[in-house]
């Protein structure tokens, strides 16, 4: 069985930004992330 949830390559660059979360400002560093896809489950 092949689990595609963990086989995603980090292909989208995210620039650094500041966000407001849990009542505080956060500095988010630049990073790479996987392309957003809708999750699908295969129970075969």
PDB file of N, CA and C in Angstrom:
ATOM      1  N   UNK A   1       0.856  -1.192   0.000  1.00  0.00           N
ATOM      2  CA  UNK A   1       0.000   0.000   0.000  1.00  0.00           C
ATOM      3  C   UNK A   1       0.885   1.233   0.000  1.00  0.00           C
ATOM      4  N   UNK A   2       0.531   2.218  -0.794  1.00  0.00           N
ATOM      5  CA  UNK A   2       1.323   3.431  -0.956  1.00  0.00           C
ATOM      6  C   UNK A   2       0.597   4.591  -0.284  1.00  0.00           C
ATOM      7  N   UNK A   3       1.214   5.243   0.687  1.00  0.00           N
ATOM      8  CA  UNK A   3       0.578   6.333   1.414  1.00  0.00           C
ATOM      9  C   UNK A   3       0.990   7.663   0.803  1.00  0.00           C
ATOM     10  N   UNK A   4       0.100   8.291   0.022  1.00  0.00           N
ATOM     11  CA  UNK A   4       0.437   9.536  -0.667  1.00  0.00           C
ATOM     12  C   UNK A   4       0.442  10.739   0.260  1.00  0.00           C
ATOM     13  N   UNK A   5      -0.085  10.610   1.467  1.00  0.00           N
ATOM     14  CA  UNK A   5      -0.113  11.741   2.391  1.00  0.00           C
ATOM     15  C   UNK A   5       1.305  12.185   2.744  1.00  0.00           C
ATOM     16  N   UNK A   6       2.249  11.258   2.781  1.00  0.00           N
ATOM     17  CA  UNK A   6       3.617  11.585   3.155  1.00  0.00           C
ATOM     18  C   UNK A   6       4.560  11.656   1.966  1.00  0.00           C
ATOM     19  N   UNK A   7       4.052  11.518   0.750  1.00  0.00           N
ATOM     20  CA  UNK A   7       4.897  11.511  -0.436  1.00  0.00           C
ATOM     21  C   UNK A   7       4.898  12.845  -1.176  1.00  0.00           C
ATOM     22  N   UNK A   8       4.346  13.857  -0.588  1.00  0.00           N
ATOM     23  CA  UNK A   8       4.272  15.156  -1.250  1.00  0.00           C
ATOM     24  C   UNK A   8       5.630  15.852  -1.192  1.00  0.00           C
ATOM     25  N   UNK A   9       6.043  16.441  -2.306  1.00  0.00           N
ATOM     26  CA  UNK A   9       7.271  17.220  -2.300  1.00  0.00           C
ATOM     27  C   UNK A   9       6.950  18.645  -1.891  1.00  0.00           C
ATOM     28  N   UNK A  10       7.906  19.304  -1.317  1.00  0.00           N
ATOM     29  CA  UNK A  10       7.734  20.689  -0.885  1.00  0.00           C
ATOM     30  C   UNK A  10       8.007  21.585  -2.087  1.00  0.00           C
ATOM     31  N   UNK A  11       6.953  21.976  -2.789  1.00  0.00           N
ATOM     32  CA  UNK A  11       7.123  22.681  -4.057  1.00  0.00           C
ATOM     33  C   UNK A  11       6.601  24.115  -4.049  1.00  0.00           C
ATOM     34  N   UNK A  12       6.027  24.565  -2.928  1.00  0.00           N
ATOM     35  CA  UNK A  12       5.471  25.916  -2.871  1.00  0.00           C
ATOM     36  C   UNK A  12       6.288  26.732  -1.874  1.00  0.00           C
ATOM     37  N   UNK A  13       6.849  27.852  -2.338  1.00  0.00           N
ATOM     38  CA  UNK A  13       7.632  28.723  -1.459  1.00  0.00           C
ATOM     39  C   UNK A  13       6.694  29.678  -0.731  1.00  0.00           C
ATOM     40  N   UNK A  14       6.870  29.808   0.576  1.00  0.00           N
ATOM     41  CA  UNK A  14       6.075  30.729   1.396  1.00  0.00           C
ATOM     42  C   UNK A  14       7.023  31.783   1.944  1.00  0.00           C
ATOM     43  N   UNK A  15       6.737  33.039   1.665  1.00  0.00           N
ATOM     44  CA  UNK A  15       7.610  34.121   2.137  1.00  0.00           C
ATOM     45  C   UNK A  15       7.378  34.374   3.620  1.00  0.00           C
ATOM     46  N   UNK A  16       8.319  35.038   4.251  1.00  0.00           N
ATOM     47  CA  UNK A  16       8.178  35.388   5.667  1.00  0.00           C
ATOM     48  C   UNK A  16       7.047  36.399   5.835  1.00  0.00           C
ATOM     49  N   UNK A  17       6.305  36.271   6.930  1.00  0.00           N
ATOM     50  CA  UNK A  17       5.204  37.195   7.197  1.00  0.00           C
ATOM     51  C   UNK A  17       4.923  37.260   8.688  1.00  0.00           C
ATOM     52  N   UNK A  18       4.142  38.244   9.089  1.00  0.00           N
ATOM     53  CA  UNK A  18       3.732  38.406  10.483  1.00  0.00           C
ATOM     54  C   UNK A  18       2.257  38.077  10.570  1.00  0.00           C
ATOM     55  N   UNK A  19       1.875  37.280  11.578  1.00  0.00           N
ATOM     56  CA  UNK A  19       0.460  36.943  11.757  1.00  0.00           C
ATOM     57  C   UNK A  19       0.062  37.159  13.210  1.00  0.00           C
ATOM     58  N   UNK A  20      -1.225  37.323  13.416  1.00  0.00           N
ATOM     59  CA  UNK A  20      -1.790  37.474  14.750  1.00  0.00           C
ATOM     60  C   UNK A  20      -2.463  36.167  15.108  1.00  0.00           C
ATOM     61  N   UNK A  21      -1.959  35.487  16.148  1.00  0.00           N
ATOM     62  CA  UNK A  21      -2.470  34.167  16.512  1.00  0.00           C
ATOM     63  C   UNK A  21      -2.470  34.013  18.025  1.00  0.00           C
ATOM     64  N   UNK A  22      -3.564  33.522  18.560  1.00  0.00           N
ATOM     65  CA  UNK A  22      -3.714  33.313  20.000  1.00  0.00           C
ATOM     66  C   UNK A  22      -3.418  34.580  20.796  1.00  0.00           C
ATOM     67  N   UNK A  23      -3.838  35.726  20.260  1.00  0.00           N
ATOM     68  CA  UNK A  23      -3.680  36.989  20.969  1.00  0.00           C
ATOM     69  C   UNK A  23      -2.288  37.583  20.900  1.00  0.00           C
ATOM     70  N   UNK A  24      -1.409  37.026  20.081  1.00  0.00           N
ATOM     71  CA  UNK A  24      -0.035  37.530  19.972  1.00  0.00           C
ATOM     72  C   UNK A  24       0.372  37.664  18.517  1.00  0.00           C
ATOM     73  N   UNK A  25       1.336  38.562  18.256  1.00  0.00           N
ATOM     74  CA  UNK A  25       1.936  38.652  16.934  1.00  0.00           C
ATOM     75  C   UNK A  25       3.029  37.606  16.819  1.00  0.00           C
ATOM     76  N   UNK A  26       3.082  36.937  15.675  1.00  0.00           N
ATOM     77  CA  UNK A  26       4.091  35.908  15.419  1.00  0.00           C
ATOM     78  C   UNK A  26       4.831  36.231  14.136  1.00  0.00           C
ATOM     79  N   UNK A  27       6.141  36.063  14.152  1.00  0.00           N
ATOM     80  CA  UNK A  27       6.937  36.152  12.928  1.00  0.00           C
ATOM     81  C   UNK A  27       7.071  34.752  12.351  1.00  0.00           C
ATOM     82  N   UNK A  28       6.583  34.567  11.144  1.00  0.00           N
ATOM     83  CA  UNK A  28       6.684  33.272  10.467  1.00  0.00           C
ATOM     84  C   UNK A  28       7.832  33.363   9.471  1.00  0.00           C
ATOM     85  N   UNK A  29       8.779  32.447   9.582  1.00  0.00           N
ATOM     86  CA  UNK A  29       9.938  32.434   8.686  1.00  0.00           C
ATOM     87  C   UNK A  29       9.546  31.927   7.306  1.00  0.00           C
ATOM     88  N   UNK A  30      10.339  32.300   6.312  1.00  0.00           N
ATOM     89  CA  UNK A  30      10.096  31.756   4.980  1.00  0.00           C
ATOM     90  C   UNK A  30      10.350  30.261   5.001  1.00  0.00           C
ATOM     91  N   UNK A  31       9.579  29.512   4.205  1.00  0.00           N
ATOM     92  CA  UNK A  31       9.713  28.063   4.183  1.00  0.00           C
ATOM     93  C   UNK A  31       9.084  27.511   2.916  1.00  0.00           C
ATOM     94  N   UNK A  32       9.274  26.228   2.702  1.00  0.00           N
ATOM     95  CA  UNK A  32       8.657  25.502   1.588  1.00  0.00           C
ATOM     96  C   UNK A  32       7.563  24.619   2.145  1.00  0.00           C
ATOM     97  N   UNK A  33       6.480  24.470   1.394  1.00  0.00           N
ATOM     98  CA  UNK A  33       5.418  23.563   1.813  1.00  0.00           C
ATOM     99  C   UNK A  33       4.874  22.827   0.597  1.00  0.00           C
ATOM    100  N   UNK A  34       4.092  21.809   0.864  1.00  0.00           N
ATOM    101  CA  UNK A  34       3.485  21.031  -0.217  1.00  0.00           C
ATOM    102  C   UNK A  34       2.363  21.816  -0.878  1.00  0.00           C
ATOM    103  N   UNK A  35       2.109  21.510  -2.137  1.00  0.00           N
ATOM    104  CA  UNK A  35       1.007  22.121  -2.854  1.00  0.00           C
ATOM    105  C   UNK A  35      -0.299  21.701  -2.197  1.00  0.00           C
ATOM    106  N   UNK A  36      -1.233  22.638  -1.964  1.00  0.00           N
ATOM    107  CA  UNK A  36      -2.475  22.263  -1.278  1.00  0.00           C
ATOM    108  C   UNK A  36      -3.358  21.363  -2.143  1.00  0.00           C
ATOM    109  N   UNK A  37      -3.726  20.243  -1.593  1.00  0.00           N
ATOM    110  CA  UNK A  37      -4.630  19.297  -2.256  1.00  0.00           C
ATOM    111  C   UNK A  37      -5.713  18.897  -1.278  1.00  0.00           C
ATOM    112  N   UNK A  38      -6.835  18.519  -1.797  1.00  0.00           N
ATOM    113  CA  UNK A  38      -7.888  17.977  -0.948  1.00  0.00           C
ATOM    114  C   UNK A  38      -7.475  16.568  -0.517  1.00  0.00           C
ATOM    115  N   UNK A  39      -7.624  16.266   0.757  1.00  0.00           N
ATOM    116  CA  UNK A  39      -7.252  14.955   1.245  1.00  0.00           C
ATOM    117  C   UNK A  39      -8.217  13.895   0.713  1.00  0.00           C
ATOM    118  N   UNK A  40      -7.673  12.802   0.249  1.00  0.00           N
ATOM    119  CA  UNK A  40      -8.482  11.662  -0.154  1.00  0.00           C
ATOM    120  C   UNK A  40      -7.948  10.430   0.563  1.00  0.00           C
ATOM    121  N   UNK A  41      -8.822   9.552   0.931  1.00  0.00           N
ATOM    122  CA  UNK A  41      -8.442   8.357   1.660  1.00  0.00           C
ATOM    123  C   UNK A  41      -8.799   7.126   0.831  1.00  0.00           C
ATOM    124  N   UNK A  42      -7.866   6.203   0.777  1.00  0.00           N
ATOM    125  CA  UNK A  42      -8.086   4.950   0.061  1.00  0.00           C
ATOM    126  C   UNK A  42      -8.029   3.832   1.099  1.00  0.00           C
ATOM    127  N   UNK A  43      -9.154   3.203   1.359  1.00  0.00           N
ATOM    128  CA  UNK A  43      -9.242   2.168   2.387  1.00  0.00           C
ATOM    129  C   UNK A  43      -9.145   0.759   1.807  1.00  0.00           C
ATOM    130  N   UNK A  44      -8.586   0.630   0.612  1.00  0.00           N
ATOM    131  CA  UNK A  44      -8.437  -0.717  -0.002  1.00  0.00           C
ATOM    132  C   UNK A  44      -7.306  -1.469   0.631  1.00  0.00           C
TER     133      UNK A  44
END
